[in-house]
PDB file of N, CA and C in Angstrom:
ATOM      1  N   MET A   1     -14.520  29.265  21.460  1.00  0.00           N
ATOM      2  CA  MET A   1     -14.221  28.105  20.738  1.00  0.00           C
ATOM      3  C   MET A   1     -15.609  27.200  20.214  1.00  0.00           C
ATOM      4  N   GLY A   2     -15.457  27.287  18.748  1.00  0.00           N
ATOM      5  CA  GLY A   2     -16.809  26.713  18.106  1.00  0.00           C
ATOM      6  C   GLY A   2     -16.668  25.035  18.087  1.00  0.00           C
ATOM      7  N   GLU A   3     -17.662  24.534  17.985  1.00  0.00           N
ATOM      8  CA  GLU A   3     -18.127  23.100  17.503  1.00  0.00           C
ATOM      9  C   GLU A   3     -17.059  22.844  16.267  1.00  0.00           C
ATOM     10  N   ARG A   4     -16.172  21.823  16.469  1.00  0.00           N
ATOM     11  CA  ARG A   4     -15.559  21.513  15.011  1.00  0.00           C
ATOM     12  C   ARG A   4     -16.514  20.628  14.197  1.00  0.00           C
ATOM     13  N   ASN A   5     -16.165  20.896  12.775  1.00  0.00           N
ATOM     14  CA  ASN A   5     -17.093  20.352  11.890  1.00  0.00           C
ATOM     15  C   ASN A   5     -16.164  19.240  11.057  1.00  0.00           C
ATOM     16  N   TRP A   6     -15.333  18.767  11.718  1.00  0.00           N
ATOM     17  CA  TRP A   6     -14.390  17.262  11.160  1.00  0.00           C
ATOM     18  C   TRP A   6     -13.907  16.409  12.275  1.00  0.00           C
ATOM     19  N   ALA A   7     -13.563  15.362  11.759  1.00  0.00           N
ATOM     20  CA  ALA A   7     -13.228  14.327  12.538  1.00  0.00           C
ATOM     21  C   ALA A   7     -12.276  13.542  11.688  1.00  0.00           C
ATOM     22  N   TRP A   8     -11.075  13.139  12.751  1.00  0.00           N
ATOM     23  CA  TRP A   8     -10.136  11.768  12.442  1.00  0.00           C
ATOM     24  C   TRP A   8     -11.024  10.593  12.077  1.00  0.00           C
ATOM     25  N   VAL A   9     -10.801   9.801  10.915  1.00  0.00           N
ATOM     26  CA  VAL A   9     -11.622   8.552  11.047  1.00  0.00           C
ATOM     27  C   VAL A   9     -10.604   7.515  10.219  1.00  0.00           C
ATOM     28  N   VAL A  10     -10.976   6.404  10.469  1.00  0.00           N
ATOM     29  CA  VAL A  10     -10.209   5.118   9.872  1.00  0.00           C
ATOM     30  C   VAL A  10     -11.120   4.117   9.226  1.00  0.00           C
ATOM     31  N   LEU A  11     -10.967   3.956   7.881  1.00  0.00           N
ATOM     32  CA  LEU A  11     -12.104   3.108   7.294  1.00  0.00           C
ATOM     33  C   LEU A  11     -11.443   1.899   7.431  1.00  0.00           C
ATOM     34  N   VAL A  12     -12.716   0.985   8.160  1.00  0.00           N
ATOM     35  CA  VAL A  12     -12.494  -0.512   8.382  1.00  0.00           C
ATOM     36  C   VAL A  12     -13.473  -1.209   7.700  1.00  0.00           C
ATOM     37  N   ARG A  13     -13.057  -2.171   6.451  1.00  0.00           N
ATOM     38  CA  ARG A  13     -13.823  -2.820   5.677  1.00  0.00           C
ATOM     39  C   ARG A  13     -13.694  -4.267   6.005  1.00  0.00           C
ATOM     40  N   GLN A  14     -14.930  -4.909   6.302  1.00  0.00           N
ATOM     41  CA  GLN A  14     -14.959  -6.505   6.623  1.00  0.00           C
ATOM     42  C   GLN A  14     -14.231  -7.417   5.753  1.00  0.00           C
ATOM     43  N   GLY A  15     -13.694  -8.267   6.151  1.00  0.00           N
ATOM     44  CA  GLY A  15     -12.667  -9.128   5.264  1.00  0.00           C
ATOM     45  C   GLY A  15     -11.725  -8.445   4.526  1.00  0.00           C
ATOM     46  N   MET A  16     -10.984  -7.734   4.905  1.00  0.00           N
ATOM     47  CA  MET A  16     -10.269  -6.677   3.812  1.00  0.00           C
ATOM     48  C   MET A  16      -9.120  -6.350   5.129  1.00  0.00           C
ATOM     49  N   GLU A  17      -7.642  -6.680   4.525  1.00  0.00           N
ATOM     50  CA  GLU A  17      -6.531  -6.484   5.445  1.00  0.00           C
ATOM     51  C   GLU A  17      -6.137  -5.325   4.727  1.00  0.00           C
ATOM     52  N   GLU A  18      -6.238  -4.005   5.557  1.00  0.00           N
ATOM     53  CA  GLU A  18      -5.828  -2.773   4.977  1.00  0.00           C
ATOM     54  C   GLU A  18      -4.953  -1.992   6.159  1.00  0.00           C
ATOM     55  N   ALA A  19      -4.036  -1.476   5.624  1.00  0.00           N
ATOM     56  CA  ALA A  19      -3.263  -0.234   6.346  1.00  0.00           C
ATOM     57  C   ALA A  19      -4.308   0.448   7.074  1.00  0.00           C
ATOM     58  N   GLU A  20      -4.425   0.814   8.258  1.00  0.00           N
ATOM     59  CA  GLU A  20      -5.118   2.067   8.783  1.00  0.00           C
ATOM     60  C   GLU A  20      -4.443   3.166   8.659  1.00  0.00           C
ATOM     61  N   VAL A  21      -5.287   3.732   7.906  1.00  0.00           N
ATOM     62  CA  VAL A  21      -4.603   5.642   7.660  1.00  0.00           C
ATOM     63  C   VAL A  21      -5.611   6.428   8.166  1.00  0.00           C
ATOM     64  N   ALA A  22      -5.412   7.198   9.067  1.00  0.00           N
ATOM     65  CA  ALA A  22      -6.384   8.289   9.585  1.00  0.00           C
ATOM     66  C   ALA A  22      -6.841   9.407   8.552  1.00  0.00           C
ATOM     67  N   THR A  23      -7.972   9.693   8.175  1.00  0.00           N
ATOM     68  CA  THR A  23      -8.388  10.771   7.463  1.00  0.00           C
ATOM     69  C   THR A  23      -9.091  11.654   7.709  1.00  0.00           C
ATOM     70  N   GLN A  24      -8.914  12.991   7.487  1.00  0.00           N
ATOM     71  CA  GLN A  24      -9.680  13.885   8.448  1.00  0.00           C
ATOM     72  C   GLN A  24     -11.414  14.022   7.132  1.00  0.00           C
ATOM     73  N   VAL A  25     -12.421  14.107   8.005  1.00  0.00           N
ATOM     74  CA  VAL A  25     -13.521  14.095   7.354  1.00  0.00           C
ATOM     75  C   VAL A  25     -14.335  15.062   7.559  1.00  0.00           C
ATOM     76  N   TYR A  26     -14.715  15.878   6.761  1.00  0.00           N
ATOM     77  CA  TYR A  26     -15.462  17.185   7.269  1.00  0.00           C
ATOM     78  C   TYR A  26     -17.245  17.151   6.876  1.00  0.00           C
ATOM     79  N   CYS A  27     -17.617  17.718   7.889  1.00  0.00           N
ATOM     80  CA  CYS A  27     -19.366  17.977   7.638  1.00  0.00           C
ATOM     81  C   CYS A  27     -19.423  19.351   6.969  1.00  0.00           C
ATOM     82  N   PRO A  28     -20.579  18.831   6.336  1.00  0.00           N
ATOM     83  CA  PRO A  28     -20.806  20.246   5.409  1.00  0.00           C
ATOM     84  C   PRO A  28     -21.288  21.339   6.520  1.00  0.00           C
ATOM     85  N   GLU A  29     -21.273  22.499   6.118  1.00  0.00           N
ATOM     86  CA  GLU A  29     -21.601  23.549   7.401  1.00  0.00           C
ATOM     87  C   GLU A  29     -22.783  23.559   7.601  1.00  0.00           C
ATOM     88  N   GLY A  30     -23.007  24.040   8.893  1.00  0.00           N
ATOM     89  CA  GLY A  30     -24.665  24.151   9.124  1.00  0.00           C
ATOM     90  C   GLY A  30     -25.576  22.961   9.567  1.00  0.00           C
ATOM     91  N   ARG A  31     -25.018  21.934   9.620  1.00  0.00           N
ATOM     92  CA  ARG A  31     -25.330  20.472   9.962  1.00  0.00           C
ATOM     93  C   ARG A  31     -24.930  20.228  11.292  1.00  0.00           C
ATOM     94  N   SER A  32     -25.764  19.650  12.114  1.00  0.00           N
ATOM     95  CA  SER A  32     -25.560  18.923  13.368  1.00  0.00           C
ATOM     96  C   SER A  32     -24.605  17.826  12.974  1.00  0.00           C
ATOM     97  N   PHE A  33     -23.587  18.229  13.650  1.00  0.00           N
ATOM     98  CA  PHE A  33     -22.318  16.950  13.106  1.00  0.00           C
ATOM     99  C   PHE A  33     -22.702  15.604  14.161  1.00  0.00           C
ATOM    100  N   ASN A  34     -23.508  14.720  13.753  1.00  0.00           N
ATOM    101  CA  ASN A  34     -23.857  13.844  14.762  1.00  0.00           C
ATOM    102  C   ASN A  34     -22.998  12.397  13.906  1.00  0.00           C
ATOM    103  N   VAL A  35     -23.179  11.034  14.620  1.00  0.00           N
ATOM    104  CA  VAL A  35     -22.738  10.310  14.001  1.00  0.00           C
ATOM    105  C   VAL A  35     -23.533   9.888  12.619  1.00  0.00           C
ATOM    106  N   ASP A  36     -24.656   9.954  12.503  1.00  0.00           N
ATOM    107  CA  ASP A  36     -25.295   9.902  11.490  1.00  0.00           C
ATOM    108  C   ASP A  36     -24.854  10.490  10.191  1.00  0.00           C
ATOM    109  N   THR A  37     -24.625  12.107  10.501  1.00  0.00           N
ATOM    110  CA  THR A  37     -24.030  12.758   9.510  1.00  0.00           C
ATOM    111  C   THR A  37     -22.389  12.319   9.147  1.00  0.00           C
ATOM    112  N   LEU A  38     -21.850  11.981   9.940  1.00  0.00           N
ATOM    113  CA  LEU A  38     -20.709  11.546   9.840  1.00  0.00           C
ATOM    114  C   LEU A  38     -20.278  10.518   9.123  1.00  0.00           C
ATOM    115  N   LYS A  39     -21.449   9.141   8.898  1.00  0.00           N
ATOM    116  CA  LYS A  39     -21.445   8.184   8.047  1.00  0.00           C
ATOM    117  C   LYS A  39     -21.524   8.780   6.659  1.00  0.00           C
ATOM    118  N   LYS A  40     -22.542   9.874   6.381  1.00  0.00           N
ATOM    119  CA  LYS A  40     -22.781  10.689   4.957  1.00  0.00           C
ATOM    120  C   LYS A  40     -21.369  11.300   4.561  1.00  0.00           C
ATOM    121  N   ALA A  41     -20.774  11.813   5.521  1.00  0.00           N
ATOM    122  CA  ALA A  41     -19.784  12.405   5.190  1.00  0.00           C
ATOM    123  C   ALA A  41     -18.518  11.560   4.610  1.00  0.00           C
ATOM    124  N   ALA A  42     -18.461  10.357   5.750  1.00  0.00           N
ATOM    125  CA  ALA A  42     -17.272   9.449   5.026  1.00  0.00           C
ATOM    126  C   ALA A  42     -17.656   8.837   3.921  1.00  0.00           C
ATOM    127  N   LYS A  43     -18.924   8.554   3.438  1.00  0.00           N
ATOM    128  CA  LYS A  43     -19.328   8.010   2.133  1.00  0.00           C
ATOM    129  C   LYS A  43     -18.934   8.645   1.189  1.00  0.00           C
ATOM    130  N   ALA A  44     -19.040  10.105   1.233  1.00  0.00           N
ATOM    131  CA  ALA A  44     -18.612  10.911   0.188  1.00  0.00           C
ATOM    132  C   ALA A  44     -17.181  11.229   0.219  1.00  0.00           C
ATOM    133  N   GLU A  45     -16.595  10.968   0.997  1.00  0.00           N
ATOM    134  CA  GLU A  45     -15.022  10.971   1.441  1.00  0.00           C
ATOM    135  C   GLU A  45     -14.364   9.861   0.595  1.00  0.00           C
ATOM    136  N   PHE A  46     -14.729   8.503   0.856  1.00  0.00           N
ATOM    137  CA  PHE A  46     -14.355   7.181   0.367  1.00  0.00           C
ATOM    138  C   PHE A  46     -15.362   6.859  -0.685  1.00  0.00           C
ATOM    139  N   VAL A  47     -15.705   7.850  -1.630  1.00  0.00           N
ATOM    140  CA  VAL A  47     -16.948   7.410  -2.454  1.00  0.00           C
ATOM    141  C   VAL A  47     -16.445   6.011  -3.403  1.00  0.00           C
ATOM    142  N   GLN A  48     -15.200   5.762  -3.747  1.00  0.00           N
ATOM    143  CA  GLN A  48     -14.822   4.852  -4.452  1.00  0.00           C
ATOM    144  C   GLN A  48     -14.671   3.601  -3.603  1.00  0.00           C
ATOM    145  N   LEU A  49     -14.098   3.580  -2.797  1.00  0.00           N
ATOM    146  CA  LEU A  49     -14.032   2.504  -1.527  1.00  0.00           C
ATOM    147  C   LEU A  49     -15.543   2.082  -1.122  1.00  0.00           C
ATOM    148  N   LEU A  50     -16.423   2.800  -1.056  1.00  0.00           N
ATOM    149  CA  LEU A  50     -17.625   2.333  -0.578  1.00  0.00           C
ATOM    150  C   LEU A  50     -18.749   2.662  -1.557  1.00  0.00           C
ATOM    151  N   ALA A  51     -18.672   2.578  -2.907  1.00  0.00           N
ATOM    152  CA  ALA A  51     -19.772   2.447  -3.927  1.00  0.00           C
ATOM    153  C   ALA A  51     -20.753   1.429  -3.624  1.00  0.00           C
ATOM    154  N   HIS A  52     -20.336   0.388  -2.953  1.00  0.00           N
ATOM    155  CA  HIS A  52     -21.092  -0.816  -2.672  1.00  0.00           C
ATOM    156  C   HIS A  52     -22.016  -0.726  -1.641  1.00  0.00           C
ATOM    157  N   VAL A  53     -22.121   0.149  -1.056  1.00  0.00           N
ATOM    158  CA  VAL A  53     -22.580   0.538   0.400  1.00  0.00           C
ATOM    159  C   VAL A  53     -23.874   1.716   0.374  1.00  0.00           C
ATOM    160  N   ASP A  54     -24.383   1.938   1.264  1.00  0.00           N
ATOM    161  CA  ASP A  54     -25.240   3.219   1.491  1.00  0.00           C
ATOM    162  C   ASP A  54     -24.615   3.635   2.826  1.00  0.00           C
ATOM    163  N   ALA A  55     -24.698   4.733   3.073  1.00  0.00           N
ATOM    164  CA  ALA A  55     -24.183   5.431   4.208  1.00  0.00           C
ATOM    165  C   ALA A  55     -24.871   4.668   5.520  1.00  0.00           C
ATOM    166  N   SER A  56     -26.260   4.443   5.323  1.00  0.00           N
ATOM    167  CA  SER A  56     -27.031   3.999   6.096  1.00  0.00           C
ATOM    168  C   SER A  56     -26.446   2.473   6.829  1.00  0.00           C
ATOM    169  N   GLN A  57     -25.734   1.915   5.938  1.00  0.00           N
ATOM    170  CA  GLN A  57     -24.917   0.290   6.405  1.00  0.00           C
ATOM    171  C   GLN A  57     -23.715   0.625   7.018  1.00  0.00           C
ATOM    172  N   LEU A  58     -23.194   1.878   7.246  1.00  0.00           N
ATOM    173  CA  LEU A  58     -21.734   2.006   8.119  1.00  0.00           C
ATOM    174  C   LEU A  58     -22.235   2.171   9.340  1.00  0.00           C
ATOM    175  N   SER A  59     -21.133   1.810  10.275  1.00  0.00           N
ATOM    176  CA  SER A  59     -21.270   2.087  11.698  1.00  0.00           C
ATOM    177  C   SER A  59     -20.238   2.758  12.189  1.00  0.00           C
ATOM    178  N   VAL A  60     -19.989   3.453  13.066  1.00  0.00           N
ATOM    179  CA  VAL A  60     -18.880   3.921  13.763  1.00  0.00           C
ATOM    180  C   VAL A  60     -18.795   3.630  15.209  1.00  0.00           C
ATOM    181  N   SER A  61     -17.312   3.290  15.353  1.00  0.00           N
ATOM    182  CA  SER A  61     -17.047   3.050  16.974  1.00  0.00           C
ATOM    183  C   SER A  61     -15.978   3.928  17.226  1.00  0.00           C
ATOM    184  N   ALA A  62     -15.656   3.844  18.950  1.00  0.00           N
ATOM    185  CA  ALA A  62     -14.674   4.596  19.104  1.00  0.00           C
ATOM    186  C   ALA A  62     -13.173   3.845  19.288  1.00  0.00           C
ATOM    187  N   THR A  63     -13.402   2.282  18.846  1.00  0.00           N
ATOM    188  CA  THR A  63     -12.349   1.689  18.611  1.00  0.00           C
ATOM    189  C   THR A  63     -12.442   0.652  17.814  1.00  0.00           C
ATOM    190  N   ARG A  64     -11.750  -0.095  17.147  1.00  0.00           N
ATOM    191  CA  ARG A  64     -11.519  -1.063  16.103  1.00  0.00           C
ATOM    192  C   ARG A  64     -12.730  -2.247  16.067  1.00  0.00           C
ATOM    193  N   ASP A  65     -12.566  -2.431  17.519  1.00  0.00           N
ATOM    194  CA  ASP A  65     -13.564  -3.736  17.975  1.00  0.00           C
ATOM    195  C   ASP A  65     -14.566  -3.375  18.910  1.00  0.00           C
ATOM    196  N   GLY A  66     -14.822  -1.973  18.941  1.00  0.00           N
ATOM    197  CA  GLY A  66     -15.707  -1.546  20.068  1.00  0.00           C
ATOM    198  C   GLY A  66     -17.326  -1.402  19.747  1.00  0.00           C
ATOM    199  N   ASP A  67     -18.047  -1.072  20.517  1.00  0.00           N
ATOM    200  CA  ASP A  67     -19.713  -1.048  20.213  1.00  0.00           C
ATOM    201  C   ASP A  67     -19.929  -0.047  19.069  1.00  0.00           C
ATOM    202  N   ASN A  68     -21.003  -0.009  18.431  1.00  0.00           N
ATOM    203  CA  ASN A  68     -21.402   1.010  17.658  1.00  0.00           C
ATOM    204  C   ASN A  68     -21.895   2.232  18.472  1.00  0.00           C
ATOM    205  N   LEU A  69     -21.238   3.397  17.890  1.00  0.00           N
ATOM    206  CA  LEU A  69     -21.946   4.502  18.581  1.00  0.00           C
ATOM    207  C   LEU A  69     -23.225   5.151  18.431  1.00  0.00           C
ATOM    208  N   ASP A  70     -24.314   5.732  19.234  1.00  0.00           N
ATOM    209  CA  ASP A  70     -25.494   5.987  18.453  1.00  0.00           C
ATOM    210  C   ASP A  70     -25.383   6.783  17.630  1.00  0.00           C
ATOM    211  N   GLU A  71     -26.299   7.044  16.876  1.00  0.00           N
ATOM    212  CA  GLU A  71     -26.457   7.734  15.650  1.00  0.00           C
ATOM    213  C   GLU A  71     -26.679   9.235  15.751  1.00  0.00           C
ATOM    214  N   ASP A  72     -27.222   9.437  16.830  1.00  0.00           N
ATOM    215  CA  ASP A  72     -27.310  10.920  17.521  1.00  0.00           C
ATOM    216  C   ASP A  72     -26.180  11.494  18.200  1.00  0.00           C
ATOM    217  N   ALA A  73     -25.150  10.512  18.554  1.00  0.00           N
ATOM    218  CA  ALA A  73     -24.184  11.246  19.591  1.00  0.00           C
ATOM    219  C   ALA A  73     -23.428  12.278  18.546  1.00  0.00           C
ATOM    220  N   ILE A  74     -23.250  13.395  19.275  1.00  0.00           N
ATOM    221  CA  ILE A  74     -22.496  14.576  18.699  1.00  0.00           C
ATOM    222  C   ILE A  74     -20.884  14.329  18.874  1.00  0.00           C
ATOM    223  N   VAL A  75     -20.565  14.218  17.252  1.00  0.00           N
ATOM    224  CA  VAL A  75     -19.063  13.938  17.237  1.00  0.00           C
ATOM    225  C   VAL A  75     -18.158  14.784  17.999  1.00  0.00           C
ATOM    226  N   ASP A  76     -18.405  16.059  18.054  1.00  0.00           N
ATOM    227  CA  ASP A  76     -17.472  17.280  18.696  1.00  0.00           C
ATOM    228  C   ASP A  76     -17.645  16.759  20.594  1.00  0.00           C
ATOM    229  N   SER A  77     -18.212  15.919  20.799  1.00  0.00           N
ATOM    230  CA  SER A  77     -18.322  15.563  22.219  1.00  0.00           C
ATOM    231  C   SER A  77     -17.406  14.513  22.689  1.00  0.00           C
ATOM    232  N   LEU A  78     -17.092  13.635  21.415  1.00  0.00           N
ATOM    233  CA  LEU A  78     -16.285  12.471  21.635  1.00  0.00           C
ATOM    234  C   LEU A  78     -14.904  12.848  21.737  1.00  0.00           C
ATOM    235  N   PRO A  79     -14.198  12.093  22.593  1.00  0.00           N
ATOM    236  CA  PRO A  79     -12.399  12.457  22.871  1.00  0.00           C
ATOM    237  C   PRO A  79     -12.265  11.629  21.405  1.00  0.00           C
ATOM    238  N   GLN A  80     -12.665  10.491  21.027  1.00  0.00           N
ATOM    239  CA  GLN A  80     -12.274   9.953  19.627  1.00  0.00           C
ATOM    240  C   GLN A  80     -12.525  10.777  18.657  1.00  0.00           C
ATOM    241  N   GLY A  81     -11.627  10.748  17.372  1.00  0.00           N
ATOM    242  CA  GLY A  81     -11.731  11.532  16.258  1.00  0.00           C
ATOM    243  C   GLY A  81     -11.345  12.990  16.348  1.00  0.00           C
ATOM    244  N   ALA A  82     -10.943  13.513  17.433  1.00  0.00           N
ATOM    245  CA  ALA A  82     -10.291  14.629  17.457  1.00  0.00           C
ATOM    246  C   ALA A  82      -8.746  14.746  17.046  1.00  0.00           C
ATOM    247  N   THR A  83      -7.901  13.914  17.128  1.00  0.00           N
ATOM    248  CA  THR A  83      -6.584  13.967  16.648  1.00  0.00           C
ATOM    249  C   THR A  83      -6.726  12.636  15.520  1.00  0.00           C
ATOM    250  N   ARG A  84      -5.437  12.743  14.806  1.00  0.00           N
ATOM    251  CA  ARG A  84      -5.188  11.615  14.115  1.00  0.00           C
ATOM    252  C   ARG A  84      -4.576  10.274  14.858  1.00  0.00           C
ATOM    253  N   GLN A  85      -4.140  10.279  16.170  1.00  0.00           N
ATOM    254  CA  GLN A  85      -3.818   9.413  16.870  1.00  0.00           C
ATOM    255  C   GLN A  85      -4.791   8.618  17.471  1.00  0.00           C
ATOM    256  N   GLN A  86      -6.121   9.170  17.486  1.00  0.00           N
ATOM    257  CA  GLN A  86      -7.236   8.462  18.069  1.00  0.00           C
ATOM    258  C   GLN A  86      -8.525   8.956  17.346  1.00  0.00           C
ATOM    259  N   PRO A  87      -8.399   8.037  15.865  1.00  0.00           N
ATOM    260  CA  PRO A  87      -9.635   8.389  15.100  1.00  0.00           C
ATOM    261  C   PRO A  87     -10.947   7.495  15.560  1.00  0.00           C
ATOM    262  N   LEU A  88     -11.772   7.914  15.003  1.00  0.00           N
ATOM    263  CA  LEU A  88     -12.887   7.139  15.301  1.00  0.00           C
ATOM    264  C   LEU A  88     -12.733   6.024  14.152  1.00  0.00           C
ATOM    265  N   ASN A  89     -13.821   4.780  14.143  1.00  0.00           N
ATOM    266  CA  ASN A  89     -13.657   3.967  13.106  1.00  0.00           C
ATOM    267  C   ASN A  89     -14.768   3.718  12.616  1.00  0.00           C
ATOM    268  N   ILE A  90     -14.667   3.726  11.176  1.00  0.00           N
ATOM    269  CA  ILE A  90     -15.863   3.726  10.298  1.00  0.00           C
ATOM    270  C   ILE A  90     -15.962   2.442   9.871  1.00  0.00           C
ATOM    271  N   HIS A  91     -16.932   1.390   9.792  1.00  0.00           N
ATOM    272  CA  HIS A  91     -16.856  -0.216   9.745  1.00  0.00           C
ATOM    273  C   HIS A  91     -18.141   0.026   8.602  1.00  0.00           C
ATOM    274  N   ALA A  92     -17.519  -0.799   7.550  1.00  0.00           N
ATOM    275  CA  ALA A  92     -17.997  -1.197   6.229  1.00  0.00           C
ATOM    276  C   ALA A  92     -18.530  -2.681   5.798  1.00  0.00           C
ATOM    277  N   PRO A  93     -19.436  -2.887   5.383  1.00  0.00           N
ATOM    278  CA  PRO A  93     -19.411  -4.312   4.957  1.00  0.00           C
ATOM    279  C   PRO A  93     -18.892  -4.566   3.926  1.00  0.00           C
ATOM    280  N   PRO A  94     -18.561  -6.023   3.788  1.00  0.00           N
ATOM    281  CA  PRO A  94     -17.147  -6.351   2.728  1.00  0.00           C
ATOM    282  C   PRO A  94     -17.595  -5.898   1.384  1.00  0.00           C
ATOM    283  N   PRO A  95     -16.905  -5.506   0.409  1.00  0.00           N
ATOM    284  CA  PRO A  95     -17.066  -5.372  -0.832  1.00  0.00           C
ATOM    285  C   PRO A  95     -17.715  -6.706  -1.545  1.00  0.00           C
ATOM    286  N   PRO A  96     -18.570  -6.578  -2.801  1.00  0.00           N
ATOM    287  CA  PRO A  96     -18.626  -7.608  -3.528  1.00  0.00           C
ATOM    288  C   PRO A  96     -17.693  -8.269  -3.927  1.00  0.00           C
ATOM    289  N   PRO A  97     -17.938  -9.724  -4.240  1.00  0.00           N
ATOM    290  CA  PRO A  97     -16.830 -10.324  -5.251  1.00  0.00           C
ATOM    291  C   PRO A  97     -16.202  -9.617  -6.445  1.00  0.00           C
ATOM    292  N   GLN A  98     -15.120  -9.858  -6.657  1.00  0.00           N
ATOM    293  CA  GLN A  98     -14.394  -9.053  -8.021  1.00  0.00           C
ATOM    294  C   GLN A  98     -15.132 -10.001  -9.256  1.00  0.00           C
ATOM    295  N   ALA A  99     -15.064  -8.896  -9.926  1.00  0.00           N
ATOM    296  CA  ALA A  99     -15.678  -9.291 -11.225  1.00  0.00           C
ATOM    297  C   ALA A  99     -14.542 -10.227 -12.166  1.00  0.00           C
ATOM    298  N   SER A 100     -13.165 -10.053 -11.811  1.00  0.00           N
ATOM    299  CA  SER A 100     -12.549 -11.280 -12.445  1.00  0.00           C
ATOM    300  C   SER A 100     -12.951 -12.848 -12.019  1.00  0.00           C
ATOM    301  N   GLN A 101     -13.553 -12.969 -11.047  1.00  0.00           N
ATOM    302  CA  GLN A 101     -14.089 -14.138 -10.714  1.00  0.00           C
ATOM    303  C   GLN A 101     -14.915 -14.710 -11.501  1.00  0.00           C
ATOM    304  N   GLY A 102     -16.211 -14.239 -11.814  1.00  0.00           N
ATOM    305  CA  GLY A 102     -16.721 -14.280 -13.028  1.00  0.00           C
ATOM    306  C   GLY A 102     -16.367 -14.281 -14.207  1.00  0.00           C
ATOM    307  N   ASP A 103     -15.315 -13.564 -14.371  1.00  0.00           N
ATOM    308  CA  ASP A 103     -14.529 -13.559 -15.690  1.00  0.00           C
ATOM    309  C   ASP A 103     -13.767 -14.919 -16.110  1.00  0.00           C
ATOM    310  N   ASP A 104     -13.460 -15.298 -14.615  1.00  0.00           N
ATOM    311  CA  ASP A 104     -12.710 -16.841 -15.082  1.00  0.00           C
ATOM    312  C   ASP A 104     -13.635 -18.000 -15.216  1.00  0.00           C
ATOM    313  N   SER A 105     -14.661 -17.750 -14.751  1.00  0.00           N
ATOM    314  CA  SER A 105     -15.804 -18.837 -14.886  1.00  0.00           C
ATOM    315  C   SER A 105     -16.282 -18.977 -16.390  1.00  0.00           C
ATOM    316  N   LEU A 106     -16.572 -17.541 -16.621  1.00  0.00           N
ATOM    317  CA  LEU A 106     -16.967 -17.210 -18.069  1.00  0.00           C
ATOM    318  C   LEU A 106     -16.103 -17.880 -19.129  1.00  0.00           C
ATOM    319  N   ARG A 107     -14.489 -17.734 -18.978  1.00  0.00           N
ATOM    320  CA  ARG A 107     -13.671 -17.906 -19.457  1.00  0.00           C
ATOM    321  C   ARG A 107     -13.502 -19.360 -19.899  1.00  0.00           C
ATOM    322  N   GLY A 108     -13.842 -19.918 -18.650  1.00  0.00           N
ATOM    323  CA  GLY A 108     -13.742 -21.332 -18.691  1.00  0.00           C
ATOM    324  C   GLY A 108     -15.201 -22.264 -19.258  1.00  0.00           C
ATOM    325  N   PHE A 109     -16.070 -21.561 -19.323  1.00  0.00           N
ATOM    326  CA  PHE A 109     -17.236 -21.987 -20.035  1.00  0.00           C
ATOM    327  C   PHE A 109     -16.788 -21.886 -21.521  1.00  0.00           C
ATOM    328  N   LEU A 110     -16.188 -20.759 -21.998  1.00  0.00           N
ATOM    329  CA  LEU A 110     -16.079 -20.484 -23.344  1.00  0.00           C
ATOM    330  C   LEU A 110     -15.111 -21.423 -23.627  1.00  0.00           C
ATOM    331  N   GLU A 111     -14.164 -21.766 -22.925  1.00  0.00           N
ATOM    332  CA  GLU A 111     -13.155 -22.692 -23.542  1.00  0.00           C
ATOM    333  C   GLU A 111     -13.681 -24.040 -23.856  1.00  0.00           C
ATOM    334  N   LYS A 112     -14.510 -24.350 -22.834  1.00  0.00           N
ATOM    335  CA  LYS A 112     -15.034 -25.879 -23.013  1.00  0.00           C
ATOM    336  C   LYS A 112     -16.051 -25.703 -24.050  1.00  0.00           C
ATOM    337  N   LEU A 113     -16.681 -24.716 -24.412  1.00  0.00           N
ATOM    338  CA  LEU A 113     -17.206 -24.610 -25.787  1.00  0.00           C
ATOM    339  C   LEU A 113     -16.683 -25.012 -27.095  1.00  0.00           C
ATOM    340  N   ASP A 114     -15.572 -24.290 -26.798  1.00  0.00           N
ATOM    341  CA  ASP A 114     -14.763 -24.252 -28.080  1.00  0.00           C
ATOM    342  C   ASP A 114     -14.049 -25.586 -28.121  1.00  0.00           C
ATOM    343  N   GLU A 115     -13.636 -26.057 -27.145  1.00  0.00           N
ATOM    344  CA  GLU A 115     -13.247 -27.432 -27.172  1.00  0.00           C
ATOM    345  C   GLU A 115     -14.121 -28.414 -27.666  1.00  0.00           C
ATOM    346  N   GLN A 116     -15.629 -28.494 -27.331  1.00  0.00           N
ATOM    347  CA  GLN A 116     -16.534 -29.232 -27.807  1.00  0.00           C
ATOM    348  C   GLN A 116     -16.735 -29.129 -29.212  1.00  0.00           C
ATOM    349  N   ARG A 117     -16.574 -27.840 -29.417  1.00  0.00           N
ATOM    350  CA  ARG A 117     -16.613 -27.479 -31.215  1.00  0.00           C
ATOM    351  C   ARG A 117     -16.028 -27.867 -32.104  1.00  0.00           C
ATOM    352  N   ARG A 118     -14.530 -27.937 -31.509  1.00  0.00           N
ATOM    353  CA  ARG A 118     -13.596 -28.598 -32.214  1.00  0.00           C
ATOM    354  C   ARG A 118     -13.586 -30.232 -32.512  1.00  0.00           C
ATOM    355  N   LYS A 119     -14.175 -30.669 -31.232  1.00  0.00           N
ATOM    356  CA  LYS A 119     -14.618 -32.503 -31.346  1.00  0.00           C
ATOM    357  C   LYS A 119     -15.657 -32.774 -32.380  1.00  0.00           C
ATOM    358  N   ASP A 120     -16.586 -31.838 -32.217  1.00  0.00           N
ATOM    359  CA  ASP A 120     -17.866 -32.052 -33.156  1.00  0.00           C
ATOM    360  C   ASP A 120     -17.407 -31.804 -34.723  1.00  0.00           C
ATOM    361  N   GLU A 121     -16.399 -31.044 -34.764  1.00  0.00           N
ATOM    362  CA  GLU A 121     -16.033 -30.862 -36.279  1.00  0.00           C
ATOM    363  C   GLU A 121     -14.979 -32.184 -36.749  1.00  0.00           C
ATOM    364  N   GLU A 122     -14.616 -32.976 -36.056  1.00  0.00           N
ATOM    365  CA  GLU A 122     -13.611 -33.633 -36.324  1.00  0.00           C
ATOM    366  C   GLU A 122     -14.412 -35.363 -36.757  1.00  0.00           C
TER     367      GLU A 122
END
């Protein structure tokens, strides 16, 4: 039986309360499937959720609160990641603040300007 070129993972984004849903991530054929390659594959799989980070900013652990795995650890040799019930955890930094926060402050600023303009016209 050959090495597997996939792993089950759960995305854990700091500061986000999300349901833990295991997803199967695939490594490109012909590449050594180590933790570094897994991070790049996860970045490609979760492209929208991880748009704010580079693959190098991700970390991988065997458990949600476990220590980070070495970048050169071979994924196929790890007991975690082989099943949906025991996925590896991909940790990502928190997403940037939502644009709506900026929109609210801009809206408030524009409302104050409009109010000032009305007072000046009186």
